[in-house]
Amino acid sequence: QAHLVESGGGLVQPGGSLRLSCAATGVVFNIPAMGWYRQAPEKQREFVARISRYGSTIYADSVKGRFTISRDNAKKMVYLQMNELKSEDTAVYYCAIEAQGIWGQGTQVTVSS
């Protein structure tokens, strides 16, 4: 059973940057397509970015040009580089192997002056 663990969240000022990491642990030989999602208080969980096994990417319009998703298959890691953060980016961020219904525990990102 694979498990996902996010890290790298924190408190940053508007315009700042954070790099989130997602580590795949347990019995897993490689990482399939994976996505990043986020959920703000009292709001629905929303799609942020997705990366295929071979590196093709898609982004939500709200983050396109500011966020970059990447992966290192040898290390079983997926990353989300977040630049020019805005207050509306504040949320708990989750990584997921959507096809298998596997989600991480989430990491809090707070953007505030």
Protein backbone atom coordinates (compact mmCIF):
# COMPACT_ATOMS: atom_id res chain seq x y z
CA GLN A 1 0.00 0.00 0.00
CA ALA A 2 1.43 3.36 -1.03
CA HIS A 3 1.25 6.39 1.23
CA LEU A 4 1.79 10.05 0.39
CA VAL A 5 3.32 12.59 2.75
CA GLU A 6 3.33 16.32 1.95
CA SER A 7 5.72 18.84 3.44
CA GLY A 8 6.99 22.36 2.85
CA GLY A 9 3.97 24.43 3.78
CA GLY A 10 4.17 27.48 5.99
CA LEU A 11 3.45 31.18 6.39
CA VAL A 12 4.65 33.56 3.68
CA GLN A 13 3.93 37.14 2.65
CA PRO A 14 2.11 37.96 -0.58
CA GLY A 15 4.56 37.75 -3.46
CA GLY A 16 6.65 35.15 -1.68
CA SER A 17 7.49 31.58 -2.68
CA LEU A 18 7.18 28.09 -1.25
CA ARG A 19 8.16 24.66 -2.51
CA LEU A 20 5.92 21.78 -1.53
CA SER A 21 7.12 18.18 -1.59
CA CYS A 22 5.19 14.93 -1.77
CA ALA A 23 6.96 11.70 -0.89
CA ALA A 24 5.58 8.33 -1.90
CA THR A 25 6.32 5.72 0.76
CA GLY A 26 5.52 2.07 1.21
CA VAL A 27 5.58 -0.56 -1.48
CA VAL A 28 5.68 1.38 -4.74
CA PHE A 29 8.04 0.91 -7.66
CA ASN A 30 7.24 4.08 -9.54
CA ILE A 31 4.86 7.04 -9.37
CA PRO A 32 1.95 7.22 -11.82
CA ALA A 33 0.16 10.42 -12.81
CA MET A 34 -0.26 12.63 -9.75
CA GLY A 35 -2.08 15.81 -8.88
CA TRP A 36 -1.97 18.65 -6.39
CA TYR A 37 -5.22 19.93 -4.92
CA ARG A 38 -6.06 22.55 -2.33
CA GLN A 39 -8.92 23.29 0.01
CA ALA A 40 -9.56 26.58 1.78
CA PRO A 41 -11.80 26.76 4.87
CA GLU A 42 -15.49 26.49 4.01
CA LYS A 43 -14.68 25.91 0.35
CA GLN A 44 -14.63 22.89 -1.95
CA ARG A 45 -11.41 21.10 -2.75
CA GLU A 46 -10.08 22.33 -6.09
CA PHE A 47 -7.61 21.10 -8.67
CA VAL A 48 -4.25 22.87 -8.82
CA ALA A 49 -1.88 20.92 -11.06
CA ARG A 50 -1.26 17.49 -12.52
CA ILE A 51 1.79 15.69 -13.90
CA SER A 52 1.89 12.47 -15.89
CA ARG A 53 4.30 9.60 -15.35
CA TYR A 54 6.43 11.05 -18.12
CA GLY A 55 6.29 14.71 -17.20
CA SER A 56 3.44 16.32 -19.13
CA THR A 57 1.65 18.93 -17.03
CA ILE A 58 -1.60 20.85 -16.73
CA TYR A 59 -2.53 23.68 -14.38
CA ALA A 60 -5.59 25.42 -13.07
CA ASP A 61 -5.99 28.85 -14.65
CA SER A 62 -5.70 30.47 -11.23
CA VAL A 63 -2.11 29.25 -10.79
CA LYS A 64 -0.83 29.02 -14.36
CA GLY A 65 2.39 30.96 -14.78
CA ARG A 66 3.04 31.05 -11.03
CA PHE A 67 3.16 27.38 -10.00
CA THR A 68 5.31 24.59 -11.43
CA ILE A 69 4.74 20.89 -10.80
CA SER A 70 7.65 18.48 -11.25
CA ARG A 71 8.67 14.97 -10.29
CA ASP A 72 11.69 12.81 -9.59
CA ASN A 73 10.70 9.22 -10.26
CA ALA A 74 13.95 7.77 -8.93
CA LYS A 75 13.34 9.45 -5.57
CA LYS A 76 9.57 8.85 -5.68
CA MET A 77 8.98 12.56 -5.13
CA VAL A 78 6.62 15.13 -6.61
CA TYR A 79 7.03 18.87 -6.08
CA LEU A 80 5.02 22.04 -6.40
CA GLN A 81 7.02 25.25 -6.73
CA MET A 82 4.76 28.18 -5.87
CA ASN A 83 5.85 31.71 -6.79
CA GLU A 84 4.16 35.10 -6.50
CA LEU A 85 1.81 33.77 -3.87
CA LYS A 86 -1.46 35.58 -3.23
CA SER A 87 -3.73 35.61 -0.20
CA GLU A 88 -6.26 33.55 -2.15
CA ASP A 89 -3.69 30.75 -2.39
CA THR A 90 -4.15 30.14 1.34
CA ALA A 91 -5.35 26.56 1.76
CA VAL A 92 -4.40 23.06 2.79
CA TYR A 93 -2.55 21.49 -0.13
CA TYR A 94 -2.85 17.79 -0.89
CA CYS A 95 -1.07 15.52 -3.34
CA ALA A 96 -2.89 12.52 -4.74
CA ILE A 97 -2.66 9.46 -6.90
CA GLU A 98 -6.11 10.08 -8.26
CA ALA A 99 -6.57 6.79 -10.15
CA GLN A 100 -5.96 4.83 -6.95
CA GLY A 101 -7.77 7.15 -4.55
CA ILE A 102 -4.65 7.77 -2.47
CA TRP A 103 -4.31 11.14 -0.76
CA GLY A 104 -1.72 12.68 1.51
CA GLN A 105 -2.53 14.26 4.86
CA GLY A 106 -2.12 17.80 3.54
CA THR A 107 0.20 20.69 4.33
CA GLN A 108 -0.98 24.17 5.31
CA VAL A 109 -0.03 27.15 3.17
CA THR A 110 -0.89 30.58 4.57
CA VAL A 111 -0.24 33.75 2.58
CA SER A 112 -0.63 36.84 4.74
CA SER A 113 1.07 40.15 5.45
